[in-house]
Each structure stands twice: as C-alpha cells, then as structure tokens.
N, C-alpha and C. Protein backbone atom coordinates (compact mmCIF):
# COMPACT_ATOMS: atom_id res chain seq x y z
N UNK A 1 -21.67 51.62 -7.15
CA UNK A 1 -22.90 51.49 -6.03
C UNK A 1 -22.82 49.77 -5.40
N UNK A 2 -22.56 48.51 -6.59
CA UNK A 2 -22.50 47.12 -6.19
C UNK A 2 -21.65 46.89 -5.17
N UNK A 3 -20.43 47.66 -4.95
CA UNK A 3 -19.76 47.33 -4.06
C UNK A 3 -19.68 47.84 -3.09
N UNK A 4 -20.45 49.65 -2.66
CA UNK A 4 -20.77 50.00 -1.76
C UNK A 4 -21.73 49.35 -0.92
N UNK A 5 -22.95 49.08 -1.79
CA UNK A 5 -24.25 48.25 -1.59
C UNK A 5 -23.83 46.87 -0.22
N UNK A 6 -23.05 46.28 -0.98
CA UNK A 6 -22.76 45.08 -1.20
C UNK A 6 -21.96 44.92 0.53
N UNK A 7 -21.62 45.75 0.87
CA UNK A 7 -21.04 45.95 2.26
C UNK A 7 -22.03 46.08 3.53
N UNK A 8 -23.26 46.75 2.65
CA UNK A 8 -24.26 46.85 4.07
C UNK A 8 -24.60 45.17 4.56
N UNK A 9 -25.05 45.45 5.56
CA UNK A 9 -25.33 43.87 6.28
C UNK A 9 -27.01 43.62 5.82
N UNK A 10 -27.37 42.21 5.76
CA UNK A 10 -28.67 42.12 5.28
C UNK A 10 -29.23 42.41 3.75
N UNK A 11 -28.27 43.23 3.14
CA UNK A 11 -28.69 43.39 1.83
C UNK A 11 -28.40 42.84 1.19
N UNK A 12 -29.43 42.59 -0.09
CA UNK A 12 -28.68 41.83 -1.34
C UNK A 12 -29.19 42.88 -2.40
N UNK A 13 -28.23 42.93 -3.21
CA UNK A 13 -28.33 43.19 -4.87
C UNK A 13 -28.23 41.73 -5.78
N UNK A 14 -29.31 41.50 -6.39
CA UNK A 14 -29.42 41.00 -7.49
C UNK A 14 -29.05 41.08 -8.76
N UNK A 15 -27.78 40.68 -9.09
CA UNK A 15 -26.86 40.55 -10.10
C UNK A 15 -26.54 39.39 -10.18
N UNK A 16 -26.06 39.82 -11.99
CA UNK A 16 -25.34 38.29 -12.59
C UNK A 16 -24.93 38.61 -13.71
N UNK A 17 -23.99 37.53 -14.58
CA UNK A 17 -23.81 38.19 -15.56
C UNK A 17 -24.01 38.29 -16.62
N UNK A 18 -25.49 38.30 -16.79
CA UNK A 18 -26.11 38.62 -18.09
C UNK A 18 -27.09 39.72 -17.57
N UNK A 19 -26.97 40.59 -16.36
CA UNK A 19 -27.39 41.78 -16.11
C UNK A 19 -27.29 42.98 -16.75
N UNK A 20 -28.38 43.63 -17.68
CA UNK A 20 -28.31 44.67 -18.12
C UNK A 20 -28.40 45.99 -17.24
N UNK A 21 -28.50 46.03 -16.17
CA UNK A 21 -28.24 47.32 -15.26
C UNK A 21 -29.42 48.09 -15.40
N UNK A 22 -30.63 47.76 -15.87
CA UNK A 22 -31.88 49.03 -16.59
C UNK A 22 -32.87 49.26 -14.79
N UNK A 23 -32.33 48.12 -14.03
CA UNK A 23 -32.99 48.35 -12.54
C UNK A 23 -31.97 47.97 -11.75
N UNK A 24 -31.59 48.52 -10.77
CA UNK A 24 -31.02 48.07 -9.36
C UNK A 24 -32.03 48.10 -8.32
N UNK A 25 -32.30 46.59 -8.15
CA UNK A 25 -32.89 46.14 -7.34
C UNK A 25 -32.39 45.56 -6.17
N UNK A 26 -32.97 45.97 -5.18
CA UNK A 26 -32.03 44.91 -3.85
C UNK A 26 -33.20 44.79 -3.43
N UNK A 27 -32.32 43.74 -1.94
CA UNK A 27 -33.84 43.04 -1.31
C UNK A 27 -33.03 43.20 0.15
N UNK A 28 -34.56 43.74 0.79
CA UNK A 28 -34.32 43.91 2.27
C UNK A 28 -35.72 43.06 3.19
N UNK A 29 -35.84 42.84 4.21
CA UNK A 29 -36.74 42.38 5.29
C UNK A 29 -37.55 43.78 5.75
N UNK A 30 -36.83 44.92 5.57
CA UNK A 30 -37.00 46.14 6.21
C UNK A 30 -37.45 47.23 4.87
N UNK A 31 -38.04 46.86 3.87
CA UNK A 31 -38.08 47.31 2.71
C UNK A 31 -38.95 48.55 2.68
N UNK A 32 -40.36 48.13 3.24
CA UNK A 32 -41.26 49.25 3.60
C UNK A 32 -40.80 50.40 4.51
N UNK A 33 -39.93 50.45 5.35
CA UNK A 33 -39.21 50.98 6.04
C UNK A 33 -38.15 51.82 5.36
N UNK A 34 -37.25 51.39 4.48
CA UNK A 34 -36.21 52.06 3.80
C UNK A 34 -37.21 52.49 2.82
N UNK A 35 -37.82 52.50 2.05
CA UNK A 35 -38.67 53.02 1.09
C UNK A 35 -39.13 54.31 1.36
N UNK A 36 -39.86 54.50 2.72
CA UNK A 36 -39.98 55.29 3.56
C UNK A 36 -39.52 56.09 3.82
N UNK A 37 -37.70 55.96 4.50
CA UNK A 37 -36.55 56.72 4.74
C UNK A 37 -36.13 57.47 3.89
N UNK A 38 -35.82 56.76 2.77
CA UNK A 38 -35.22 57.18 1.59
C UNK A 38 -36.35 58.45 0.94
N UNK A 39 -38.16 58.48 1.08
CA UNK A 39 -38.65 59.35 0.37
C UNK A 39 -38.62 60.29 1.15
N UNK A 40 -38.41 60.26 2.34
CA UNK A 40 -38.56 61.49 3.09
C UNK A 40 -37.11 62.44 2.97
N UNK A 41 -36.24 61.76 2.14
CA UNK A 41 -34.59 62.29 1.48
C UNK A 41 -35.03 62.89 0.33
N UNK A 42 -36.08 62.29 -0.47
CA UNK A 42 -36.21 62.81 -1.66
C UNK A 42 -36.22 62.38 -2.90
N UNK A 43 -35.57 60.87 -2.29
CA UNK A 43 -34.99 59.91 -2.99
C UNK A 43 -36.04 58.72 -3.23
N UNK A 44 -36.52 58.85 -4.57
CA UNK A 44 -37.14 57.80 -5.28
C UNK A 44 -36.46 56.20 -5.37
N UNK A 45 -37.84 55.48 -5.12
CA UNK A 45 -37.43 54.07 -5.19
C UNK A 45 -38.64 53.54 -5.69
N UNK A 46 -38.99 52.24 -6.38
CA UNK A 46 -39.74 51.65 -6.72
C UNK A 46 -39.78 50.24 -6.45
N UNK A 47 -41.38 50.26 -6.37
CA UNK A 47 -41.35 48.67 -6.07
C UNK A 47 -42.28 47.89 -7.67
N UNK A 48 -41.26 47.17 -8.16
CA UNK A 48 -41.26 46.85 -9.70
C UNK A 48 -42.04 45.43 -9.36
N UNK A 49 -42.63 44.63 -8.68
CA UNK A 49 -42.76 43.55 -8.63
C UNK A 49 -43.64 43.49 -7.46
N UNK A 50 -44.91 43.70 -7.33
CA UNK A 50 -45.73 44.30 -6.22
C UNK A 50 -46.46 42.91 -6.32
N UNK A 51 -46.48 41.77 -7.06
CA UNK A 51 -47.40 40.67 -7.07
C UNK A 51 -46.50 39.72 -8.35
N UNK A 52 -46.70 38.20 -7.85
CA UNK A 52 -45.85 37.45 -8.45
C UNK A 52 -47.13 36.94 -10.00
N UNK A 53 -47.03 36.32 -10.81
CA UNK A 53 -47.82 36.22 -11.68
C UNK A 53 -48.76 35.06 -11.32
N UNK A 54 -48.51 34.08 -10.91
CA UNK A 54 -48.99 32.79 -10.36
C UNK A 54 -50.11 33.16 -9.42
N UNK A 55 -50.22 34.63 -8.54
CA UNK A 55 -50.96 35.09 -8.10
C UNK A 55 -52.55 35.80 -8.61
N UNK A 56 -52.03 36.35 -10.12
CA UNK A 56 -52.78 37.60 -10.70
C UNK A 56 -54.11 36.48 -11.15
N UNK A 57 -54.92 37.37 -11.00
CA UNK A 57 -56.65 36.67 -11.56
C UNK A 57 -56.25 35.85 -12.98
N UNK A 58 -55.98 36.20 -13.97
CA UNK A 58 -55.90 35.29 -14.88
C UNK A 58 -54.88 34.23 -14.80
N UNK A 59 -54.14 34.10 -14.26
CA UNK A 59 -52.81 33.19 -14.01
C UNK A 59 -53.07 32.35 -13.17
N UNK A 60 -53.53 32.44 -12.27
CA UNK A 60 -53.98 31.71 -10.89
C UNK A 60 -53.37 30.64 -10.95
N UNK A 61 -52.40 29.99 -10.35
CA UNK A 61 -51.68 28.93 -10.32
C UNK A 61 -51.35 28.70 -8.86
N UNK A 62 -51.59 27.17 -8.35
CA UNK A 62 -51.16 26.79 -6.72
C UNK A 62 -49.77 26.64 -7.10
N UNK A 63 -48.81 27.10 -5.66
CA UNK A 63 -47.77 26.35 -5.60
C UNK A 63 -46.86 27.27 -4.97
N UNK A 64 -45.65 27.12 -4.52
CA UNK A 64 -44.87 27.93 -3.60
C UNK A 64 -44.76 28.92 -4.18
N UNK A 65 -43.56 29.21 -5.14
CA UNK A 65 -42.78 29.87 -5.61
C UNK A 65 -42.26 30.78 -5.11
N UNK A 66 -41.17 29.99 -3.79
CA UNK A 66 -40.50 31.19 -2.78
C UNK A 66 -39.79 32.06 -3.49
N UNK A 67 -39.17 31.94 -4.59
CA UNK A 67 -37.76 32.70 -4.73
C UNK A 67 -38.85 34.34 -5.11
N UNK A 68 -39.84 33.82 -6.13
CA UNK A 68 -40.80 34.80 -6.65
C UNK A 68 -41.24 35.94 -5.20
N UNK A 69 -41.86 35.26 -4.40
CA UNK A 69 -42.46 35.57 -3.29
C UNK A 69 -41.40 36.33 -2.35
N UNK A 70 -40.35 35.94 -2.46
CA UNK A 70 -39.29 36.83 -1.87
C UNK A 70 -39.25 37.74 -2.25
N UNK A 71 -38.88 37.84 -3.78
CA UNK A 71 -38.90 39.56 -4.51
C UNK A 71 -40.00 40.60 -4.21
N UNK A 72 -41.22 40.07 -4.48
CA UNK A 72 -42.63 40.53 -4.23
C UNK A 72 -41.97 40.99 -2.94
N UNK A 73 -41.97 40.77 -1.46
CA UNK A 73 -42.14 41.23 -0.35
C UNK A 73 -40.99 42.22 -0.21
N UNK A 74 -39.72 41.63 -0.71
CA UNK A 74 -38.60 42.54 -0.45
C UNK A 74 -37.49 43.01 -1.24
N UNK A 75 -37.81 43.18 -2.34
CA UNK A 75 -37.56 43.54 -3.68
C UNK A 75 -37.82 45.40 -3.55
N UNK A 76 -36.38 46.36 -3.43
CA UNK A 76 -36.93 47.96 -3.66
C UNK A 76 -35.71 48.03 -5.22
N UNK A 77 -36.32 48.75 -5.75
CA UNK A 77 -35.44 49.60 -6.96
C UNK A 77 -35.15 50.82 -6.74
N UNK A 78 -33.48 50.76 -6.52
CA UNK A 78 -33.56 52.45 -6.09
C UNK A 78 -32.39 53.01 -7.13
N UNK A 79 -32.81 54.48 -7.24
CA UNK A 79 -32.56 55.10 -8.36
C UNK A 79 -31.17 54.71 -9.49
N UNK A 80 -31.51 54.39 -10.47
CA UNK A 80 -30.72 54.09 -11.77
C UNK A 80 -30.66 54.66 -12.91
N UNK A 81 -29.60 55.43 -13.78
CA UNK A 81 -30.22 56.29 -15.10
C UNK A 81 -28.57 56.26 -15.06
N UNK A 82 -28.13 56.80 -16.19
CA UNK A 82 -26.86 57.28 -16.93
C UNK A 82 -26.82 59.27 -16.43
N UNK A 83 -27.81 59.76 -15.97
CA UNK A 83 -27.77 60.70 -15.71
C UNK A 83 -27.35 61.23 -14.07
N UNK A 84 -27.38 60.09 -13.35
CA UNK A 84 -26.82 60.62 -12.06
C UNK A 84 -26.14 60.85 -12.00
N UNK A 85 -25.64 62.33 -10.86
CA UNK A 85 -24.24 62.59 -10.72
C UNK A 85 -23.66 61.88 -9.62
N UNK A 86 -22.37 62.08 -9.56
CA UNK A 86 -21.76 61.00 -8.43
C UNK A 86 -22.16 61.63 -7.75
N UNK A 87 -22.59 63.14 -7.00
CA UNK A 87 -22.94 63.52 -5.80
C UNK A 87 -24.23 62.94 -5.55
N UNK A 88 -24.82 62.66 -6.56
CA UNK A 88 -26.15 62.37 -5.91
C UNK A 88 -26.42 60.28 -6.09
N UNK A 89 -25.51 59.90 -6.33
CA UNK A 89 -25.44 58.50 -6.31
C UNK A 89 -24.53 58.20 -4.55
N UNK A 90 -23.71 59.07 -4.58
CA UNK A 90 -23.03 59.23 -3.28
C UNK A 90 -24.13 59.47 -2.12
N UNK A 91 -25.22 60.61 -2.19
CA UNK A 91 -26.43 60.75 -1.77
C UNK A 91 -27.29 59.56 -1.02
N UNK A 92 -27.25 59.05 -2.55
CA UNK A 92 -28.40 57.62 -2.37
C UNK A 92 -27.39 56.47 -1.24
N UNK A 93 -26.31 56.32 -1.84
CA UNK A 93 -25.36 55.00 -1.08
C UNK A 93 -25.27 55.51 0.50
N UNK A 94 -24.85 57.04 0.48
CA UNK A 94 -25.17 57.43 2.09
C UNK A 94 -26.42 57.05 3.09
N UNK A 95 -27.31 57.34 2.45
CA UNK A 95 -28.73 57.57 2.60
C UNK A 95 -28.83 55.91 3.40
N UNK A 96 -28.88 54.96 1.93
CA UNK A 96 -29.41 53.51 2.64
C UNK A 96 -28.17 53.34 3.67
N UNK A 97 -26.53 53.46 3.40
CA UNK A 97 -26.13 53.02 4.70
C UNK A 97 -26.50 53.63 5.89
N UNK A 98 -27.30 54.99 5.99
CA UNK A 98 -27.32 55.51 7.26
C UNK A 98 -28.31 54.65 7.77
N UNK A 99 -29.87 54.55 6.96
CA UNK A 99 -30.56 53.69 7.19
C UNK A 99 -30.09 52.36 8.05
N UNK A 100 -29.65 51.85 7.95
CA UNK A 100 -28.94 50.12 8.29
C UNK A 100 -28.39 50.22 9.34
N UNK A 101 -27.70 51.56 10.01
CA UNK A 101 -26.67 51.85 10.79
C UNK A 101 -27.33 51.79 12.13
C-alpha cells in the first residue's frame, strides 16, 4: 500500500517509525471528492479527525494549530485490516490511482 500510494502525486501518507498501522490515513486537497468517488465504488473510508481539540467547546483554545487543521481538512482513512484480500487491496489502490489520473 504505502509504496503504491506514494507514487500518486499530491497525496501524502502519514507514517513514521512508530506507526502501528491501525489506520491508513492519507492527505489530499481533494479529500471530499475522493471520499465520494470511492463510496461510489463500494469502498468505505472515514474521516477520523473531523475537528481539532482546541476547537471543541470544552477545550476552546486560541491558536493557529496549522498541522492539526491540515489533517482535519485533508485527512482520509482508507480501508486497512488484516482480512483484506489481495484483490480487494488492489481494487482500492487502482481506484485511488484512477481518481488522480
């Protein structure tokens, strides 16, 4: 997944050495369009970070928080679980690539 996804222009996969791979979150300026495109193909996605904590009423805090805002506005979780078949994974990858062509 990461190698193929990395080949798509303007798409970031957020991973680090301590990544535990329970979510596969990408970032794209076209997040909502991609989400709809994948849904039309039966591919479930999720927006796990719809708001940043400093914007939530109990924690209201003034500040820029640009990294958090970028993730909130552009982050999309793709399917990731140990039961995905190779064909299903290929379908997700091909669909994401098709969207960006």
